[in-house]
N, C-alpha and C. Protein backbone atom coordinates (compact mmCIF):
# COMPACT_ATOMS: atom_id res chain seq x y z
N GLN A 1 0.82 -1.19 0.00
CA GLN A 1 0.00 0.00 0.00
C GLN A 1 0.86 1.25 0.00
N VAL A 2 0.32 2.29 -0.58
CA VAL A 2 1.01 3.57 -0.64
C VAL A 2 0.17 4.60 0.11
N GLN A 3 0.80 5.29 1.03
CA GLN A 3 0.11 6.32 1.79
C GLN A 3 0.58 7.69 1.32
N VAL A 4 -0.34 8.62 1.31
CA VAL A 4 -0.06 9.99 0.91
C VAL A 4 -0.56 10.92 2.00
N VAL A 5 0.32 11.78 2.49
CA VAL A 5 -0.04 12.67 3.58
C VAL A 5 0.35 14.10 3.23
N GLU A 6 -0.64 14.99 3.29
CA GLU A 6 -0.39 16.41 3.04
C GLU A 6 -0.26 17.16 4.36
N SER A 7 0.42 18.28 4.29
CA SER A 7 0.52 19.17 5.44
C SER A 7 0.80 20.58 4.95
N GLY A 8 0.63 21.53 5.85
CA GLY A 8 0.99 22.90 5.53
C GLY A 8 -0.16 23.85 5.29
N GLY A 9 -1.38 23.35 5.31
CA GLY A 9 -2.51 24.24 5.12
C GLY A 9 -2.76 25.12 6.33
N GLY A 10 -3.69 26.04 6.18
CA GLY A 10 -4.03 26.91 7.29
C GLY A 10 -4.73 28.16 6.84
N LEU A 11 -4.80 29.12 7.74
CA LEU A 11 -5.44 30.40 7.48
C LEU A 11 -4.37 31.43 7.17
N VAL A 12 -4.56 32.16 6.09
CA VAL A 12 -3.59 33.19 5.69
C VAL A 12 -4.35 34.39 5.18
N GLN A 13 -3.78 35.56 5.36
CA GLN A 13 -4.40 36.78 4.86
C GLN A 13 -4.17 36.93 3.36
N PRO A 14 -5.05 37.64 2.69
CA PRO A 14 -4.83 37.90 1.25
C PRO A 14 -3.45 38.52 1.02
N GLY A 15 -2.78 38.01 -0.01
CA GLY A 15 -1.44 38.46 -0.31
C GLY A 15 -0.36 37.64 0.37
N GLY A 16 -0.75 36.78 1.26
CA GLY A 16 0.21 35.97 1.99
C GLY A 16 0.65 34.73 1.22
N SER A 17 1.49 33.93 1.87
CA SER A 17 2.04 32.73 1.24
C SER A 17 1.89 31.52 2.16
N LEU A 18 1.83 30.38 1.53
CA LEU A 18 1.84 29.10 2.23
C LEU A 18 2.63 28.11 1.39
N ARG A 19 3.22 27.14 2.06
CA ARG A 19 3.85 26.04 1.34
C ARG A 19 3.24 24.73 1.83
N LEU A 20 2.66 24.02 0.88
CA LEU A 20 2.09 22.71 1.18
C LEU A 20 3.11 21.62 0.89
N SER A 21 3.04 20.57 1.68
CA SER A 21 3.91 19.41 1.47
C SER A 21 3.06 18.17 1.31
N CYS A 22 3.57 17.25 0.51
CA CYS A 22 2.89 15.98 0.28
C CYS A 22 3.95 14.88 0.24
N ALA A 23 3.84 13.95 1.15
CA ALA A 23 4.81 12.86 1.22
C ALA A 23 4.14 11.53 0.93
N ALA A 24 4.74 10.77 0.04
CA ALA A 24 4.25 9.43 -0.27
C ALA A 24 5.17 8.41 0.38
N SER A 25 4.57 7.37 0.94
CA SER A 25 5.37 6.35 1.61
C SER A 25 4.72 4.99 1.42
N GLY A 26 5.49 3.96 1.71
CA GLY A 26 4.97 2.60 1.58
C GLY A 26 5.75 1.82 0.55
N SER A 27 5.06 0.90 -0.06
CA SER A 27 5.69 -0.03 -0.98
C SER A 27 5.80 0.59 -2.37
N ILE A 28 6.71 1.54 -2.50
CA ILE A 28 6.86 2.29 -3.75
C ILE A 28 8.08 1.81 -4.52
N PHE A 29 7.90 1.51 -5.79
CA PHE A 29 9.02 1.19 -6.67
C PHE A 29 9.42 2.43 -7.47
N SER A 30 8.43 3.06 -8.05
CA SER A 30 8.70 4.30 -8.78
C SER A 30 7.45 5.16 -8.80
N ILE A 31 7.67 6.46 -8.91
CA ILE A 31 6.56 7.41 -8.98
C ILE A 31 6.54 8.06 -10.35
N TYR A 32 5.41 8.03 -11.03
CA TYR A 32 5.27 8.64 -12.34
C TYR A 32 4.91 10.11 -12.23
N PHE A 33 4.00 10.42 -11.33
CA PHE A 33 3.57 11.79 -11.20
C PHE A 33 3.16 12.08 -9.76
N MET A 34 3.26 13.34 -9.40
CA MET A 34 2.75 13.85 -8.13
C MET A 34 2.02 15.14 -8.46
N ALA A 35 0.79 15.23 -8.04
CA ALA A 35 -0.04 16.35 -8.45
C ALA A 35 -0.81 16.94 -7.28
N TRP A 36 -1.10 18.23 -7.43
CA TRP A 36 -1.94 18.93 -6.47
C TRP A 36 -3.27 19.28 -7.13
N TYR A 37 -4.34 18.99 -6.45
CA TYR A 37 -5.68 19.38 -6.85
C TYR A 37 -6.27 20.26 -5.74
N ARG A 38 -7.31 20.98 -6.10
CA ARG A 38 -8.04 21.72 -5.08
C ARG A 38 -9.52 21.68 -5.40
N GLN A 39 -10.30 21.78 -4.34
CA GLN A 39 -11.75 21.83 -4.50
C GLN A 39 -12.31 22.86 -3.53
N ALA A 40 -12.90 23.88 -4.11
CA ALA A 40 -13.55 24.92 -3.33
C ALA A 40 -15.00 24.53 -3.07
N PRO A 41 -15.61 25.07 -2.03
CA PRO A 41 -17.00 24.74 -1.74
C PRO A 41 -17.91 25.01 -2.92
N GLY A 42 -18.69 24.01 -3.28
CA GLY A 42 -19.64 24.17 -4.37
C GLY A 42 -19.05 24.11 -5.76
N LYS A 43 -17.76 23.81 -5.84
CA LYS A 43 -17.10 23.76 -7.15
C LYS A 43 -16.49 22.39 -7.38
N GLN A 44 -16.20 22.12 -8.64
CA GLN A 44 -15.55 20.86 -8.99
C GLN A 44 -14.07 20.91 -8.64
N ARG A 45 -13.53 19.75 -8.42
CA ARG A 45 -12.10 19.66 -8.15
C ARG A 45 -11.34 20.03 -9.41
N GLU A 46 -10.25 20.78 -9.24
CA GLU A 46 -9.44 21.17 -10.39
C GLU A 46 -7.97 20.87 -10.12
N LEU A 47 -7.28 20.57 -11.20
CA LEU A 47 -5.84 20.33 -11.13
C LEU A 47 -5.12 21.66 -10.98
N VAL A 48 -4.27 21.74 -9.98
CA VAL A 48 -3.51 22.97 -9.75
C VAL A 48 -2.14 22.88 -10.39
N ALA A 49 -1.43 21.77 -10.15
CA ALA A 49 -0.08 21.61 -10.68
C ALA A 49 0.29 20.14 -10.65
N ILE A 50 1.19 19.75 -11.54
CA ILE A 50 1.61 18.37 -11.62
C ILE A 50 3.09 18.30 -11.93
N SER A 51 3.75 17.35 -11.29
CA SER A 51 5.16 17.09 -11.57
C SER A 51 5.27 15.65 -12.05
N THR A 52 5.78 15.47 -13.27
CA THR A 52 5.87 14.15 -13.86
C THR A 52 7.26 13.56 -13.68
N GLN A 53 7.40 12.30 -14.06
CA GLN A 53 8.67 11.61 -13.91
C GLN A 53 9.78 12.28 -14.73
N SER A 54 9.37 12.89 -15.82
CA SER A 54 10.36 13.56 -16.67
C SER A 54 10.77 14.90 -16.11
N GLY A 55 10.07 15.35 -15.09
CA GLY A 55 10.43 16.62 -14.47
C GLY A 55 9.59 17.78 -14.92
N SER A 56 8.77 17.62 -15.94
CA SER A 56 7.94 18.72 -16.42
C SER A 56 6.80 19.01 -15.46
N SER A 57 6.38 20.26 -15.44
CA SER A 57 5.32 20.68 -14.53
C SER A 57 4.37 21.59 -15.27
N ASN A 58 3.12 21.45 -14.97
CA ASN A 58 2.10 22.31 -15.57
C ASN A 58 1.23 22.91 -14.47
N TYR A 59 0.68 24.06 -14.72
CA TYR A 59 -0.08 24.75 -13.70
C TYR A 59 -1.40 25.24 -14.26
N SER A 60 -2.41 25.19 -13.41
CA SER A 60 -3.64 25.87 -13.76
C SER A 60 -3.67 27.24 -13.12
N VAL A 61 -2.77 27.47 -12.17
CA VAL A 61 -2.63 28.79 -11.54
C VAL A 61 -1.20 29.24 -11.81
N LYS A 62 -0.97 29.85 -12.92
CA LYS A 62 0.39 30.20 -13.32
C LYS A 62 0.82 31.51 -12.69
N GLY A 63 2.12 31.56 -12.39
CA GLY A 63 2.69 32.80 -11.91
C GLY A 63 2.71 32.95 -10.41
N ARG A 64 1.74 32.35 -9.71
CA ARG A 64 1.68 32.52 -8.26
C ARG A 64 2.04 31.24 -7.51
N PHE A 65 1.79 30.10 -8.13
CA PHE A 65 2.06 28.82 -7.48
C PHE A 65 3.24 28.14 -8.16
N THR A 66 4.06 27.48 -7.38
CA THR A 66 5.22 26.75 -7.90
C THR A 66 5.27 25.36 -7.28
N ILE A 67 5.37 24.36 -8.14
CA ILE A 67 5.49 22.99 -7.66
C ILE A 67 6.96 22.58 -7.72
N SER A 68 7.39 21.86 -6.70
CA SER A 68 8.74 21.32 -6.69
C SER A 68 8.71 19.93 -6.07
N ARG A 69 9.76 19.17 -6.32
CA ARG A 69 9.72 17.76 -5.95
C ARG A 69 11.06 17.31 -5.43
N ASP A 70 11.02 16.51 -4.37
CA ASP A 70 12.21 15.87 -3.84
C ASP A 70 12.06 14.38 -4.12
N ASN A 71 12.70 13.92 -5.17
CA ASN A 71 12.53 12.52 -5.57
C ASN A 71 13.07 11.56 -4.52
N ALA A 72 14.14 11.95 -3.86
CA ALA A 72 14.74 11.06 -2.86
C ALA A 72 13.80 10.83 -1.68
N GLU A 73 12.96 11.82 -1.40
CA GLU A 73 12.05 11.73 -0.25
C GLU A 73 10.61 11.44 -0.68
N ASN A 74 10.39 11.24 -1.99
CA ASN A 74 9.03 11.02 -2.50
C ASN A 74 8.08 12.11 -1.99
N THR A 75 8.54 13.32 -2.07
CA THR A 75 7.79 14.45 -1.54
C THR A 75 7.63 15.52 -2.62
N VAL A 76 6.46 16.12 -2.65
CA VAL A 76 6.21 17.23 -3.55
C VAL A 76 5.70 18.41 -2.74
N TYR A 77 6.09 19.60 -3.16
CA TYR A 77 5.72 20.82 -2.47
C TYR A 77 4.92 21.72 -3.40
N LEU A 78 4.09 22.54 -2.81
CA LEU A 78 3.38 23.56 -3.58
C LEU A 78 3.57 24.89 -2.85
N GLN A 79 4.39 25.74 -3.43
CA GLN A 79 4.61 27.07 -2.88
C GLN A 79 3.55 27.99 -3.46
N MET A 80 2.76 28.58 -2.59
CA MET A 80 1.66 29.43 -3.03
C MET A 80 1.91 30.85 -2.54
N ASN A 81 2.04 31.77 -3.47
CA ASN A 81 2.29 33.17 -3.15
C ASN A 81 1.12 34.03 -3.60
N SER A 82 1.07 35.22 -3.06
CA SER A 82 0.02 36.19 -3.41
C SER A 82 -1.37 35.54 -3.35
N LEU A 83 -1.61 34.84 -2.27
CA LEU A 83 -2.87 34.12 -2.14
C LEU A 83 -4.05 35.08 -2.10
N GLN A 84 -5.14 34.64 -2.72
CA GLN A 84 -6.36 35.43 -2.79
C GLN A 84 -7.52 34.62 -2.21
N PRO A 85 -8.59 35.28 -1.81
CA PRO A 85 -9.73 34.55 -1.25
C PRO A 85 -10.24 33.43 -2.16
N GLU A 86 -10.13 33.63 -3.45
CA GLU A 86 -10.60 32.59 -4.38
C GLU A 86 -9.71 31.35 -4.39
N ASP A 87 -8.57 31.42 -3.71
CA ASP A 87 -7.71 30.24 -3.58
C ASP A 87 -8.15 29.35 -2.42
N THR A 88 -9.12 29.82 -1.64
CA THR A 88 -9.63 29.02 -0.53
C THR A 88 -10.22 27.72 -1.05
N ALA A 89 -9.72 26.62 -0.51
CA ALA A 89 -10.15 25.30 -0.97
C ALA A 89 -9.48 24.23 -0.12
N VAL A 90 -9.93 23.01 -0.32
CA VAL A 90 -9.20 21.85 0.20
C VAL A 90 -8.22 21.41 -0.88
N TYR A 91 -6.97 21.36 -0.52
CA TYR A 91 -5.92 20.98 -1.46
C TYR A 91 -5.53 19.52 -1.19
N SER A 92 -5.57 18.74 -2.25
CA SER A 92 -5.30 17.32 -2.11
C SER A 92 -4.15 16.91 -3.03
N CYS A 93 -3.42 15.93 -2.57
CA CYS A 93 -2.28 15.42 -3.33
C CYS A 93 -2.62 14.07 -3.94
N ASN A 94 -2.24 13.88 -5.16
CA ASN A 94 -2.48 12.63 -5.90
C ASN A 94 -1.15 12.12 -6.43
N VAL A 95 -0.85 10.88 -6.12
CA VAL A 95 0.42 10.28 -6.51
C VAL A 95 0.16 9.00 -7.29
N GLY A 96 0.83 8.86 -8.41
CA GLY A 96 0.68 7.65 -9.21
C GLY A 96 2.03 7.06 -9.56
N GLY A 97 2.09 5.74 -9.59
CA GLY A 97 3.34 5.08 -9.92
C GLY A 97 3.20 3.58 -9.90
N THR A 98 4.31 2.91 -9.62
CA THR A 98 4.34 1.46 -9.55
C THR A 98 4.79 1.02 -8.17
N ALA A 99 4.07 0.07 -7.60
CA ALA A 99 4.44 -0.46 -6.29
C ALA A 99 5.53 -1.53 -6.43
N GLN A 100 6.09 -1.90 -5.31
CA GLN A 100 7.14 -2.93 -5.29
C GLN A 100 6.63 -4.25 -5.88
N SER A 101 5.32 -4.46 -5.76
CA SER A 101 4.72 -5.69 -6.29
C SER A 101 4.64 -5.70 -7.80
N GLY A 102 4.86 -4.54 -8.40
CA GLY A 102 4.76 -4.45 -9.84
C GLY A 102 3.43 -3.91 -10.34
N THR A 103 2.50 -3.72 -9.42
CA THR A 103 1.20 -3.19 -9.81
C THR A 103 1.21 -1.68 -9.75
N ALA A 104 0.35 -1.08 -10.56
CA ALA A 104 0.23 0.37 -10.57
C ALA A 104 -0.58 0.83 -9.36
N PHE A 105 -0.28 2.02 -8.89
CA PHE A 105 -1.07 2.60 -7.82
C PHE A 105 -1.41 4.04 -8.17
N ASN A 106 -2.50 4.49 -7.60
CA ASN A 106 -2.95 5.88 -7.75
C ASN A 106 -3.57 6.23 -6.41
N SER A 107 -2.84 6.98 -5.61
CA SER A 107 -3.24 7.22 -4.22
C SER A 107 -3.48 8.70 -3.96
N TRP A 108 -4.44 8.95 -3.08
CA TRP A 108 -4.80 10.31 -2.69
C TRP A 108 -4.56 10.52 -1.20
N GLY A 109 -4.20 11.74 -0.88
CA GLY A 109 -4.13 12.12 0.52
C GLY A 109 -5.49 12.56 1.02
N GLN A 110 -5.54 12.90 2.29
CA GLN A 110 -6.82 13.27 2.91
C GLN A 110 -7.19 14.73 2.65
N GLY A 111 -6.25 15.49 2.18
CA GLY A 111 -6.51 16.90 1.88
C GLY A 111 -6.12 17.80 3.04
N THR A 112 -5.79 19.02 2.69
CA THR A 112 -5.46 20.03 3.71
C THR A 112 -6.19 21.32 3.35
N GLN A 113 -6.79 21.94 4.34
CA GLN A 113 -7.60 23.14 4.11
C GLN A 113 -6.72 24.37 4.01
N VAL A 114 -6.95 25.15 2.99
CA VAL A 114 -6.31 26.45 2.84
C VAL A 114 -7.43 27.50 2.83
N THR A 115 -7.35 28.43 3.75
CA THR A 115 -8.34 29.49 3.85
C THR A 115 -7.64 30.83 3.75
N VAL A 116 -8.07 31.62 2.79
CA VAL A 116 -7.48 32.95 2.59
C VAL A 116 -8.54 33.97 2.97
N SER A 117 -8.28 34.66 4.05
CA SER A 117 -9.28 35.60 4.56
C SER A 117 -8.61 36.62 5.47
N SER A 118 -9.17 37.81 5.46
CA SER A 118 -8.68 38.85 6.36
C SER A 118 -9.47 38.85 7.66
């Protein structure tokens, strides 16, 4: 089994910054991608950023959010700057790869709440 745990959420004022962390652990052979999603109340979940095995990253929130990855620690970070109230959401981490058993896995964390408010 592969476990995914996020941390780093909280309450921040508009214009502030937060850094989210997501660590994958367990029976991991290789990781293909690590991605951040968010879901605001009453809205559909959306992809925020993704880091693939090749190192490429894509963003739905360009310019303010930066994804980075520590392959040795199976950890991905999301640096969020200039946060706005519309960034308020539950941020979840999704990790996909191959387990030691040779089977593919696609695991989600429990999510971390980010609230941007004055």
